[in-house]
Amino acid sequence: MAHCHCSMCQKFHGAAFSTFGVAKTNHIKSYIASNGTERKFCDNCGSSLVFVPSNDSGKFVEFSLGTLDSEIEMKPDAHIFVKYAAKWYVIADDLPTYEEGRL
């Protein structure tokens, strides 16, 4: 679980960063639209869950935690891709920061 500050997350979510967690892919369904785009969503509530990392083994998918209705016991443990962070947002906590992803 981390706050991602990359420009793709900024543009996709319209925010300074996006907070992601990990879920098993057996809870994810896909819909392929007539234009060939693939949309992934939760088979329980229908929330849009669309980001699949390129280095993923296929067992897990990263998803936006804002889609959950339940309490989340975990807390973010890092800020990633801060090299691309919005200039107008100041990271004001003590979590470790990484210029790119966690290496």
PDB file of N, CA and C in Angstrom:
ATOM      1  N   MET A   1       0.855  -1.176   0.000  1.00  0.00           N
ATOM      2  CA  MET A   1       0.000   0.000   0.000  1.00  0.00           C
ATOM      3  C   MET A   1       0.889   1.223   0.000  1.00  0.00           C
ATOM      4  N   ALA A   2       0.679   2.137  -0.949  1.00  0.00           N
ATOM      5  CA  ALA A   2       1.520   3.328  -1.034  1.00  0.00           C
ATOM      6  C   ALA A   2       0.767   4.464  -1.716  1.00  0.00           C
ATOM      7  N   HIS A   3       1.258   5.675  -1.505  1.00  0.00           N
ATOM      8  CA  HIS A   3       0.768   6.850  -2.220  1.00  0.00           C
ATOM      9  C   HIS A   3       1.638   6.998  -3.467  1.00  0.00           C
ATOM     10  N   CYS A   4       1.067   6.943  -4.647  1.00  0.00           N
ATOM     11  CA  CYS A   4       1.839   7.076  -5.887  1.00  0.00           C
ATOM     12  C   CYS A   4       1.664   8.485  -6.448  1.00  0.00           C
ATOM     13  N   HIS A   5       2.780   9.151  -6.700  1.00  0.00           N
ATOM     14  CA  HIS A   5       2.785  10.532  -7.178  1.00  0.00           C
ATOM     15  C   HIS A   5       3.123  10.641  -8.663  1.00  0.00           C
ATOM     16  N   CYS A   6       3.133   9.537  -9.414  1.00  0.00           N
ATOM     17  CA  CYS A   6       3.514   9.602 -10.827  1.00  0.00           C
ATOM     18  C   CYS A   6       2.491  10.423 -11.620  1.00  0.00           C
ATOM     19  N   SER A   7       2.909  10.927 -12.747  1.00  0.00           N
ATOM     20  CA  SER A   7       2.026  11.778 -13.548  1.00  0.00           C
ATOM     21  C   SER A   7       0.819  11.007 -14.087  1.00  0.00           C
ATOM     22  N   MET A   8       0.975   9.702 -14.344  1.00  0.00           N
ATOM     23  CA  MET A   8      -0.172   8.922 -14.816  1.00  0.00           C
ATOM     24  C   MET A   8      -1.270   8.872 -13.762  1.00  0.00           C
ATOM     25  N   CYS A   9      -0.897   8.661 -12.490  1.00  0.00           N
ATOM     26  CA  CYS A   9      -1.902   8.627 -11.416  1.00  0.00           C
ATOM     27  C   CYS A   9      -2.539  10.002 -11.225  1.00  0.00           C
ATOM     28  N   GLN A  10      -1.729  11.057 -11.343  1.00  0.00           N
ATOM     29  CA  GLN A  10      -2.267  12.409 -11.221  1.00  0.00           C
ATOM     30  C   GLN A  10      -3.336  12.647 -12.275  1.00  0.00           C
ATOM     31  N   LYS A  11      -3.033  12.286 -13.514  1.00  0.00           N
ATOM     32  CA  LYS A  11      -3.964  12.520 -14.610  1.00  0.00           C
ATOM     33  C   LYS A  11      -5.201  11.615 -14.510  1.00  0.00           C
ATOM     34  N   PHE A  12      -4.995  10.362 -14.160  1.00  0.00           N
ATOM     35  CA  PHE A  12      -6.117   9.424 -14.105  1.00  0.00           C
ATOM     36  C   PHE A  12      -7.101   9.779 -13.002  1.00  0.00           C
ATOM     37  N   HIS A  13      -6.585  10.183 -11.834  1.00  0.00           N
ATOM     38  CA  HIS A  13      -7.446  10.450 -10.691  1.00  0.00           C
ATOM     39  C   HIS A  13      -7.755  11.930 -10.495  1.00  0.00           C
ATOM     40  N   GLY A  14      -7.065  12.810 -11.233  1.00  0.00           N
ATOM     41  CA  GLY A  14      -7.301  14.240 -11.077  1.00  0.00           C
ATOM     42  C   GLY A  14      -6.907  14.736  -9.706  1.00  0.00           C
ATOM     43  N   ALA A  15      -5.847  14.170  -9.159  1.00  0.00           N
ATOM     44  CA  ALA A  15      -5.416  14.514  -7.810  1.00  0.00           C
ATOM     45  C   ALA A  15      -3.887  14.502  -7.743  1.00  0.00           C
ATOM     46  N   ALA A  16      -3.335  14.981  -6.632  1.00  0.00           N
ATOM     47  CA  ALA A  16      -1.882  15.050  -6.460  1.00  0.00           C
ATOM     48  C   ALA A  16      -1.250  13.666  -6.407  1.00  0.00           C
ATOM     49  N   PHE A  17      -1.978  12.690  -5.917  1.00  0.00           N
ATOM     50  CA  PHE A  17      -1.473  11.322  -5.857  1.00  0.00           C
ATOM     51  C   PHE A  17      -2.644  10.365  -5.730  1.00  0.00           C
ATOM     52  N   SER A  18      -2.366   9.077  -5.846  1.00  0.00           N
ATOM     53  CA  SER A  18      -3.380   8.049  -5.676  1.00  0.00           C
ATOM     54  C   SER A  18      -2.849   7.025  -4.685  1.00  0.00           C
ATOM     55  N   THR A  19      -3.704   6.507  -3.838  1.00  0.00           N
ATOM     56  CA  THR A  19      -3.294   5.499  -2.874  1.00  0.00           C
ATOM     57  C   THR A  19      -3.762   4.140  -3.366  1.00  0.00           C
ATOM     58  N   PHE A  20      -2.808   3.214  -3.505  1.00  0.00           N
ATOM     59  CA  PHE A  20      -3.097   1.896  -4.043  1.00  0.00           C
ATOM     60  C   PHE A  20      -2.850   0.795  -3.040  1.00  0.00           C
ATOM     61  N   GLY A  21      -3.628  -0.276  -3.147  1.00  0.00           N
ATOM     62  CA  GLY A  21      -3.428  -1.501  -2.400  1.00  0.00           C
ATOM     63  C   GLY A  21      -3.389  -2.644  -3.394  1.00  0.00           C
ATOM     64  N   VAL A  22      -3.361  -3.870  -2.894  1.00  0.00           N
ATOM     65  CA  VAL A  22      -3.257  -5.048  -3.749  1.00  0.00           C
ATOM     66  C   VAL A  22      -4.412  -6.003  -3.436  1.00  0.00           C
ATOM     67  N   ALA A  23      -4.972  -6.612  -4.473  1.00  0.00           N
ATOM     68  CA  ALA A  23      -6.040  -7.600  -4.311  1.00  0.00           C
ATOM     69  C   ALA A  23      -5.745  -8.806  -5.186  1.00  0.00           C
ATOM     70  N   LYS A  24      -6.268  -9.942  -4.784  1.00  0.00           N
ATOM     71  CA  LYS A  24      -6.142 -11.140  -5.611  1.00  0.00           C
ATOM     72  C   LYS A  24      -7.000 -10.960  -6.856  1.00  0.00           C
ATOM     73  N   THR A  25      -6.497 -11.420  -7.974  1.00  0.00           N
ATOM     74  CA  THR A  25      -7.190 -11.206  -9.248  1.00  0.00           C
ATOM     75  C   THR A  25      -8.479 -12.007  -9.383  1.00  0.00           C
ATOM     76  N   ASN A  26      -8.725 -12.989  -8.516  1.00  0.00           N
ATOM     77  CA  ASN A  26      -9.965 -13.765  -8.650  1.00  0.00           C
ATOM     78  C   ASN A  26     -11.202 -12.950  -8.282  1.00  0.00           C
ATOM     79  N   HIS A  27     -11.028 -11.726  -7.752  1.00  0.00           N
ATOM     80  CA  HIS A  27     -12.163 -10.848  -7.455  1.00  0.00           C
ATOM     81  C   HIS A  27     -12.378  -9.815  -8.562  1.00  0.00           C
ATOM     82  N   ILE A  28     -11.619  -9.904  -9.633  1.00  0.00           N
ATOM     83  CA  ILE A  28     -11.650  -8.904 -10.699  1.00  0.00           C
ATOM     84  C   ILE A  28     -12.270  -9.509 -11.957  1.00  0.00           C
ATOM     85  N   LYS A  29     -13.185  -8.777 -12.537  1.00  0.00           N
ATOM     86  CA  LYS A  29     -13.798  -9.182 -13.802  1.00  0.00           C
ATOM     87  C   LYS A  29     -13.393  -8.177 -14.879  1.00  0.00           C
ATOM     88  N   SER A  30     -13.466  -8.587 -16.115  1.00  0.00           N
ATOM     89  CA  SER A  30     -13.089  -7.718 -17.233  1.00  0.00           C
ATOM     90  C   SER A  30     -14.245  -7.557 -18.196  1.00  0.00           C
ATOM     91  N   TYR A  31     -14.259  -6.397 -18.820  1.00  0.00           N
ATOM     92  CA  TYR A  31     -15.211  -6.111 -19.881  1.00  0.00           C
ATOM     93  C   TYR A  31     -14.418  -5.526 -21.038  1.00  0.00           C
ATOM     94  N   ILE A  32     -14.549  -6.104 -22.211  1.00  0.00           N
ATOM     95  CA  ILE A  32     -13.867  -5.577 -23.390  1.00  0.00           C
ATOM     96  C   ILE A  32     -14.900  -4.829 -24.220  1.00  0.00           C
ATOM     97  N   ALA A  33     -14.683  -3.523 -24.349  1.00  0.00           N
ATOM     98  CA  ALA A  33     -15.614  -2.661 -25.072  1.00  0.00           C
ATOM     99  C   ALA A  33     -15.460  -2.856 -26.577  1.00  0.00           C
ATOM    100  N   SER A  34     -16.413  -2.334 -27.331  1.00  0.00           N
ATOM    101  CA  SER A  34     -16.383  -2.488 -28.794  1.00  0.00           C
ATOM    102  C   SER A  34     -15.161  -1.820 -29.421  1.00  0.00           C
ATOM    103  N   ASN A  35     -14.565  -0.836 -28.732  1.00  0.00           N
ATOM    104  CA  ASN A  35     -13.369  -0.186 -29.275  1.00  0.00           C
ATOM    105  C   ASN A  35     -12.093  -0.907 -28.859  1.00  0.00           C
ATOM    106  N   GLY A  36     -12.230  -2.053 -28.187  1.00  0.00           N
ATOM    107  CA  GLY A  36     -11.070  -2.867 -27.827  1.00  0.00           C
ATOM    108  C   GLY A  36     -10.461  -2.555 -26.476  1.00  0.00           C
ATOM    109  N   THR A  37     -10.951  -1.542 -25.771  1.00  0.00           N
ATOM    110  CA  THR A  37     -10.396  -1.240 -24.456  1.00  0.00           C
ATOM    111  C   THR A  37     -10.896  -2.253 -23.438  1.00  0.00           C
ATOM    112  N   GLU A  38     -10.042  -2.546 -22.460  1.00  0.00           N
ATOM    113  CA  GLU A  38     -10.405  -3.490 -21.410  1.00  0.00           C
ATOM    114  C   GLU A  38     -10.615  -2.739 -20.110  1.00  0.00           C
ATOM    115  N   ARG A  39     -11.741  -2.997 -19.477  1.00  0.00           N
ATOM    116  CA  ARG A  39     -12.060  -2.370 -18.200  1.00  0.00           C
ATOM    117  C   ARG A  39     -12.183  -3.466 -17.162  1.00  0.00           C
ATOM    118  N   LYS A  40     -11.494  -3.265 -16.046  1.00  0.00           N
ATOM    119  CA  LYS A  40     -11.534  -4.250 -14.969  1.00  0.00           C
ATOM    120  C   LYS A  40     -12.322  -3.663 -13.809  1.00  0.00           C
ATOM    121  N   PHE A  41     -13.148  -4.508 -13.195  1.00  0.00           N
ATOM    122  CA  PHE A  41     -14.005  -4.030 -12.120  1.00  0.00           C
ATOM    123  C   PHE A  41     -14.214  -5.126 -11.081  1.00  0.00           C
ATOM    124  N   CYS A  42     -14.652  -4.716  -9.895  1.00  0.00           N
ATOM    125  CA  CYS A  42     -14.921  -5.637  -8.792  1.00  0.00           C
ATOM    126  C   CYS A  42     -16.192  -6.429  -9.093  1.00  0.00           C
ATOM    127  N   ASP A  43     -16.119  -7.755  -8.939  1.00  0.00           N
ATOM    128  CA  ASP A  43     -17.303  -8.574  -9.210  1.00  0.00           C
ATOM    129  C   ASP A  43     -18.337  -8.494  -8.092  1.00  0.00           C
ATOM    130  N   ASN A  44     -17.998  -7.850  -6.987  1.00  0.00           N
ATOM    131  CA  ASN A  44     -18.929  -7.728  -5.874  1.00  0.00           C
ATOM    132  C   ASN A  44     -19.722  -6.423  -5.931  1.00  0.00           C
ATOM    133  N   CYS A  45     -19.033  -5.290  -6.168  1.00  0.00           N
ATOM    134  CA  CYS A  45     -19.726  -3.995  -6.100  1.00  0.00           C
ATOM    135  C   CYS A  45     -19.702  -3.210  -7.410  1.00  0.00           C
ATOM    136  N   GLY A  46     -18.904  -3.634  -8.381  1.00  0.00           N
ATOM    137  CA  GLY A  46     -18.850  -2.955  -9.663  1.00  0.00           C
ATOM    138  C   GLY A  46     -17.885  -1.789  -9.730  1.00  0.00           C
ATOM    139  N   SER A  47     -17.146  -1.510  -8.645  1.00  0.00           N
ATOM    140  CA  SER A  47     -16.184  -0.402  -8.662  1.00  0.00           C
ATOM    141  C   SER A  47     -15.137  -0.618  -9.740  1.00  0.00           C
ATOM    142  N   SER A  48     -14.749   0.455 -10.401  1.00  0.00           N
ATOM    143  CA  SER A  48     -13.736   0.407 -11.440  1.00  0.00           C
ATOM    144  C   SER A  48     -12.365   0.147 -10.824  1.00  0.00           C
ATOM    145  N   LEU A  49     -11.721  -0.895 -11.268  1.00  0.00           N
ATOM    146  CA  LEU A  49     -10.385  -1.274 -10.802  1.00  0.00           C
ATOM    147  C   LEU A  49      -9.542  -1.517 -12.048  1.00  0.00           C
ATOM    148  N   VAL A  50      -8.731  -0.562 -12.450  1.00  0.00           N
ATOM    149  CA  VAL A  50      -8.218  -0.606 -13.813  1.00  0.00           C
ATOM    150  C   VAL A  50      -6.711  -0.723 -13.969  1.00  0.00           C
ATOM    151  N   PHE A  51      -5.919  -0.621 -12.926  1.00  0.00           N
ATOM    152  CA  PHE A  51      -4.472  -0.586 -13.108  1.00  0.00           C
ATOM    153  C   PHE A  51      -3.845  -1.938 -12.853  1.00  0.00           C
ATOM    154  N   VAL A  52      -3.224  -2.495 -13.869  1.00  0.00           N
ATOM    155  CA  VAL A  52      -2.481  -3.746 -13.738  1.00  0.00           C
ATOM    156  C   VAL A  52      -1.020  -3.426 -14.022  1.00  0.00           C
ATOM    157  N   PRO A  53      -0.139  -3.545 -13.019  1.00  0.00           N
ATOM    158  CA  PRO A  53       1.268  -3.194 -13.243  1.00  0.00           C
ATOM    159  C   PRO A  53       1.926  -4.105 -14.271  1.00  0.00           C
ATOM    160  N   SER A  54       2.853  -3.543 -15.021  1.00  0.00           N
ATOM    161  CA  SER A  54       3.498  -4.299 -16.095  1.00  0.00           C
ATOM    162  C   SER A  54       4.376  -5.425 -15.578  1.00  0.00           C
ATOM    163  N   ASN A  55       4.874  -5.324 -14.351  1.00  0.00           N
ATOM    164  CA  ASN A  55       5.746  -6.362 -13.813  1.00  0.00           C
ATOM    165  C   ASN A  55       4.996  -7.357 -12.934  1.00  0.00           C
ATOM    166  N   ASP A  56       3.671  -7.355 -12.987  1.00  0.00           N
ATOM    167  CA  ASP A  56       2.861  -8.213 -12.132  1.00  0.00           C
ATOM    168  C   ASP A  56       2.875  -9.651 -12.627  1.00  0.00           C
ATOM    169  N   SER A  57       2.809 -10.593 -11.693  1.00  0.00           N
ATOM    170  CA  SER A  57       2.816 -12.016 -12.014  1.00  0.00           C
ATOM    171  C   SER A  57       1.468 -12.508 -12.529  1.00  0.00           C
ATOM    172  N   GLY A  58       0.434 -11.678 -12.425  1.00  0.00           N
ATOM    173  CA  GLY A  58      -0.903 -12.084 -12.820  1.00  0.00           C
ATOM    174  C   GLY A  58      -1.748 -12.551 -11.644  1.00  0.00           C
ATOM    175  N   LYS A  59      -1.138 -12.678 -10.464  1.00  0.00           N
ATOM    176  CA  LYS A  59      -1.870 -13.118  -9.277  1.00  0.00           C
ATOM    177  C   LYS A  59      -2.502 -11.952  -8.529  1.00  0.00           C
ATOM    178  N   PHE A  60      -1.958 -10.741  -8.699  1.00  0.00           N
ATOM    179  CA  PHE A  60      -2.447  -9.576  -7.981  1.00  0.00           C
ATOM    180  C   PHE A  60      -2.641  -8.408  -8.927  1.00  0.00           C
ATOM    181  N   VAL A  61      -3.463  -7.456  -8.528  1.00  0.00           N
ATOM    182  CA  VAL A  61      -3.679  -6.234  -9.286  1.00  0.00           C
ATOM    183  C   VAL A  61      -3.701  -5.082  -8.291  1.00  0.00           C
ATOM    184  N   GLU A  62      -3.140  -3.941  -8.670  1.00  0.00           N
ATOM    185  CA  GLU A  62      -3.201  -2.759  -7.818  1.00  0.00           C
ATOM    186  C   GLU A  62      -4.522  -2.045  -8.077  1.00  0.00           C
ATOM    187  N   PHE A  63      -5.123  -1.516  -7.014  1.00  0.00           N
ATOM    188  CA  PHE A  63      -6.411  -0.855  -7.168  1.00  0.00           C
ATOM    189  C   PHE A  63      -6.477   0.369  -6.283  1.00  0.00           C
ATOM    190  N   SER A  64      -7.348   1.289  -6.624  1.00  0.00           N
ATOM    191  CA  SER A  64      -7.528   2.512  -5.861  1.00  0.00           C
ATOM    192  C   SER A  64      -8.301   2.209  -4.590  1.00  0.00           C
ATOM    193  N   LEU A  65      -7.722   2.536  -3.441  1.00  0.00           N
ATOM    194  CA  LEU A  65      -8.353   2.221  -2.164  1.00  0.00           C
ATOM    195  C   LEU A  65      -9.623   3.030  -1.914  1.00  0.00           C
ATOM    196  N   GLY A  66      -9.803   4.121  -2.632  1.00  0.00           N
ATOM    197  CA  GLY A  66     -11.013   4.912  -2.491  1.00  0.00           C
ATOM    198  C   GLY A  66     -12.255   4.178  -2.955  1.00  0.00           C
ATOM    199  N   THR A  67     -12.092   3.030  -3.604  1.00  0.00           N
ATOM    200  CA  THR A  67     -13.244   2.259  -4.072  1.00  0.00           C
ATOM    201  C   THR A  67     -13.833   1.370  -2.982  1.00  0.00           C
ATOM    202  N   LEU A  68     -13.144   1.231  -1.862  1.00  0.00           N
ATOM    203  CA  LEU A  68     -13.605   0.328  -0.805  1.00  0.00           C
ATOM    204  C   LEU A  68     -14.628   0.988   0.113  1.00  0.00           C
ATOM    205  N   ASP A  69     -15.607   0.222   0.557  1.00  0.00           N
ATOM    206  CA  ASP A  69     -16.583   0.687   1.535  1.00  0.00           C
ATOM    207  C   ASP A  69     -16.163   0.343   2.957  1.00  0.00           C
ATOM    208  N   SER A  70     -15.367  -0.702   3.108  1.00  0.00           N
ATOM    209  CA  SER A  70     -14.996  -1.194   4.435  1.00  0.00           C
ATOM    210  C   SER A  70     -13.794  -0.438   5.009  1.00  0.00           C
ATOM    211  N   GLU A  71     -13.624  -0.574   6.325  1.00  0.00           N
ATOM    212  CA  GLU A  71     -12.460   0.001   6.991  1.00  0.00           C
ATOM    213  C   GLU A  71     -11.202  -0.696   6.498  1.00  0.00           C
ATOM    214  N   ILE A  72     -10.123   0.042   6.389  1.00  0.00           N
ATOM    215  CA  ILE A  72      -8.847  -0.505   5.951  1.00  0.00           C
ATOM    216  C   ILE A  72      -7.904  -0.488   7.150  1.00  0.00           C
ATOM    217  N   GLU A  73      -7.452  -1.666   7.581  1.00  0.00           N
ATOM    218  CA  GLU A  73      -6.577  -1.743   8.748  1.00  0.00           C
ATOM    219  C   GLU A  73      -5.143  -1.352   8.414  1.00  0.00           C
ATOM    220  N   MET A  74      -4.699  -1.631   7.207  1.00  0.00           N
ATOM    221  CA  MET A  74      -3.336  -1.282   6.799  1.00  0.00           C
ATOM    222  C   MET A  74      -3.217   0.219   6.634  1.00  0.00           C
ATOM    223  N   LYS A  75      -2.006   0.706   6.711  1.00  0.00           N
ATOM    224  CA  LYS A  75      -1.705   2.118   6.468  1.00  0.00           C
ATOM    225  C   LYS A  75      -0.631   2.194   5.381  1.00  0.00           C
ATOM    226  N   PRO A  76      -0.627   3.250   4.577  1.00  0.00           N
ATOM    227  CA  PRO A  76       0.434   3.405   3.579  1.00  0.00           C
ATOM    228  C   PRO A  76       1.797   3.402   4.267  1.00  0.00           C
ATOM    229  N   ASP A  77       2.796   2.832   3.579  1.00  0.00           N
ATOM    230  CA  ASP A  77       4.134   2.781   4.162  1.00  0.00           C
ATOM    231  C   ASP A  77       5.173   3.503   3.318  1.00  0.00           C
ATOM    232  N   ALA A  78       4.731   4.212   2.274  1.00  0.00           N
ATOM    233  CA  ALA A  78       5.696   4.915   1.426  1.00  0.00           C
ATOM    234  C   ALA A  78       4.984   5.866   0.478  1.00  0.00           C
ATOM    235  N   HIS A  79       5.761   6.779  -0.077  1.00  0.00           N
ATOM    236  CA  HIS A  79       5.372   7.616  -1.210  1.00  0.00           C
ATOM    237  C   HIS A  79       6.290   7.188  -2.348  1.00  0.00           C
ATOM    238  N   ILE A  80       5.709   6.828  -3.493  1.00  0.00           N
ATOM    239  CA  ILE A  80       6.516   6.370  -4.617  1.00  0.00           C
ATOM    240  C   ILE A  80       6.374   7.324  -5.803  1.00  0.00           C
ATOM    241  N   PHE A  81       7.359   7.293  -6.687  1.00  0.00           N
ATOM    242  CA  PHE A  81       7.409   8.142  -7.883  1.00  0.00           C
ATOM    243  C   PHE A  81       7.311   9.623  -7.531  1.00  0.00           C
ATOM    244  N   VAL A  82       7.936  10.014  -6.413  1.00  0.00           N
ATOM    245  CA  VAL A  82       7.877  11.412  -5.981  1.00  0.00           C
ATOM    246  C   VAL A  82       8.663  12.336  -6.908  1.00  0.00           C
ATOM    247  N   LYS A  83       9.502  11.781  -7.754  1.00  0.00           N
ATOM    248  CA  LYS A  83      10.207  12.575  -8.769  1.00  0.00           C
ATOM    249  C   LYS A  83       9.206  13.328  -9.640  1.00  0.00           C
ATOM    250  N   TYR A  84       8.003  12.799  -9.778  1.00  0.00           N
ATOM    251  CA  TYR A  84       6.975  13.377 -10.640  1.00  0.00           C
ATOM    252  C   TYR A  84       5.853  14.057  -9.840  1.00  0.00           C
ATOM    253  N   ALA A  85       6.049  14.223  -8.555  1.00  0.00           N
ATOM    254  CA  ALA A  85       4.997  14.752  -7.684  1.00  0.00           C
ATOM    255  C   ALA A  85       4.536  16.133  -8.131  1.00  0.00           C
ATOM    256  N   ALA A  86       3.255  16.408  -7.906  1.00  0.00           N
ATOM    257  CA  ALA A  86       2.697  17.726  -8.216  1.00  0.00           C
ATOM    258  C   ALA A  86       3.444  18.781  -7.401  1.00  0.00           C
ATOM    259  N   LYS A  87       3.862  19.831  -8.055  1.00  0.00           N
ATOM    260  CA  LYS A  87       4.631  20.890  -7.391  1.00  0.00           C
ATOM    261  C   LYS A  87       3.808  21.610  -6.324  1.00  0.00           C
ATOM    262  N   TRP A  88       2.496  21.571  -6.426  1.00  0.00           N
ATOM    263  CA  TRP A  88       1.635  22.274  -5.485  1.00  0.00           C
ATOM    264  C   TRP A  88       1.273  21.443  -4.264  1.00  0.00           C
ATOM    265  N   TYR A  89       1.736  20.174  -4.196  1.00  0.00           N
ATOM    266  CA  TYR A  89       1.445  19.324  -3.045  1.00  0.00           C
ATOM    267  C   TYR A  89       2.714  19.105  -2.236  1.00  0.00           C
ATOM    268  N   VAL A  90       2.621  19.310  -0.920  1.00  0.00           N
ATOM    269  CA  VAL A  90       3.761  19.107  -0.030  1.00  0.00           C
ATOM    270  C   VAL A  90       3.535  17.827   0.770  1.00  0.00           C
ATOM    271  N   ILE A  91       4.451  16.878   0.650  1.00  0.00           N
ATOM    272  CA  ILE A  91       4.378  15.653   1.445  1.00  0.00           C
ATOM    273  C   ILE A  91       4.715  16.034   2.877  1.00  0.00           C
ATOM    274  N   ALA A  92       3.766  15.839   3.779  1.00  0.00           N
ATOM    275  CA  ALA A  92       3.927  16.343   5.146  1.00  0.00           C
ATOM    276  C   ALA A  92       3.851  15.227   6.185  1.00  0.00           C
ATOM    277  N   ASP A  93       4.338  14.045   5.841  1.00  0.00           N
ATOM    278  CA  ASP A  93       4.394  12.970   6.834  1.00  0.00           C
ATOM    279  C   ASP A  93       5.801  12.390   6.838  1.00  0.00           C
ATOM    280  N   ASP A  94       6.022  11.418   7.682  1.00  0.00           N
ATOM    281  CA  ASP A  94       7.360  10.839   7.846  1.00  0.00           C
ATOM    282  C   ASP A  94       7.565   9.543   7.080  1.00  0.00           C
ATOM    283  N   LEU A  95       6.667   9.219   6.153  1.00  0.00           N
ATOM    284  CA  LEU A  95       6.833   7.991   5.380  1.00  0.00           C
ATOM    285  C   LEU A  95       8.044   8.105   4.461  1.00  0.00           C
ATOM    286  N   PRO A  96       8.735   6.992   4.193  1.00  0.00           N
ATOM    287  CA  PRO A  96       9.858   7.039   3.251  1.00  0.00           C
ATOM    288  C   PRO A  96       9.381   7.440   1.857  1.00  0.00           C
ATOM    289  N   THR A  97      10.223   8.139   1.127  1.00  0.00           N
ATOM    290  CA  THR A  97       9.899   8.545  -0.239  1.00  0.00           C
ATOM    291  C   THR A  97      10.880   7.890  -1.206  1.00  0.00           C
ATOM    292  N   TYR A  98      10.394   7.579  -2.392  1.00  0.00           N
ATOM    293  CA  TYR A  98      11.196   6.956  -3.432  1.00  0.00           C
ATOM    294  C   TYR A  98      11.038   7.769  -4.714  1.00  0.00           C
ATOM    295  N   GLU A  99      12.127   8.140  -5.321  1.00  0.00           N
ATOM    296  CA  GLU A  99      12.104   8.924  -6.573  1.00  0.00           C
ATOM    297  C   GLU A  99      11.308   8.198  -7.647  1.00  0.00           C
ATOM    298  N   GLU A 100      11.491   6.905  -7.761  1.00  0.00           N
ATOM    299  CA  GLU A 100      10.753   6.058  -8.711  1.00  0.00           C
ATOM    300  C   GLU A 100       9.972   5.045  -7.865  1.00  0.00           C
ATOM    301  N   GLY A 101       9.789   3.823  -8.354  1.00  0.00           N
ATOM    302  CA  GLY A 101       9.119   2.794  -7.558  1.00  0.00           C
ATOM    303  C   GLY A 101      10.040   2.262  -6.475  1.00  0.00           C
ATOM    304  N   ARG A 102       9.538   1.373  -5.689  1.00  0.00           N
ATOM    305  CA  ARG A 102      10.378   0.761  -4.643  1.00  0.00           C
ATOM    306  C   ARG A 102      11.356  -0.200  -5.295  1.00  0.00           C
ATOM    307  N   LEU A 103      12.601  -0.021  -5.045  1.00  0.00           N
ATOM    308  CA  LEU A 103      13.615  -0.912  -5.643  1.00  0.00           C
ATOM    309  C   LEU A 103      14.325  -1.714  -4.606  1.00  0.00           C
TER     310      LEU A 103
END
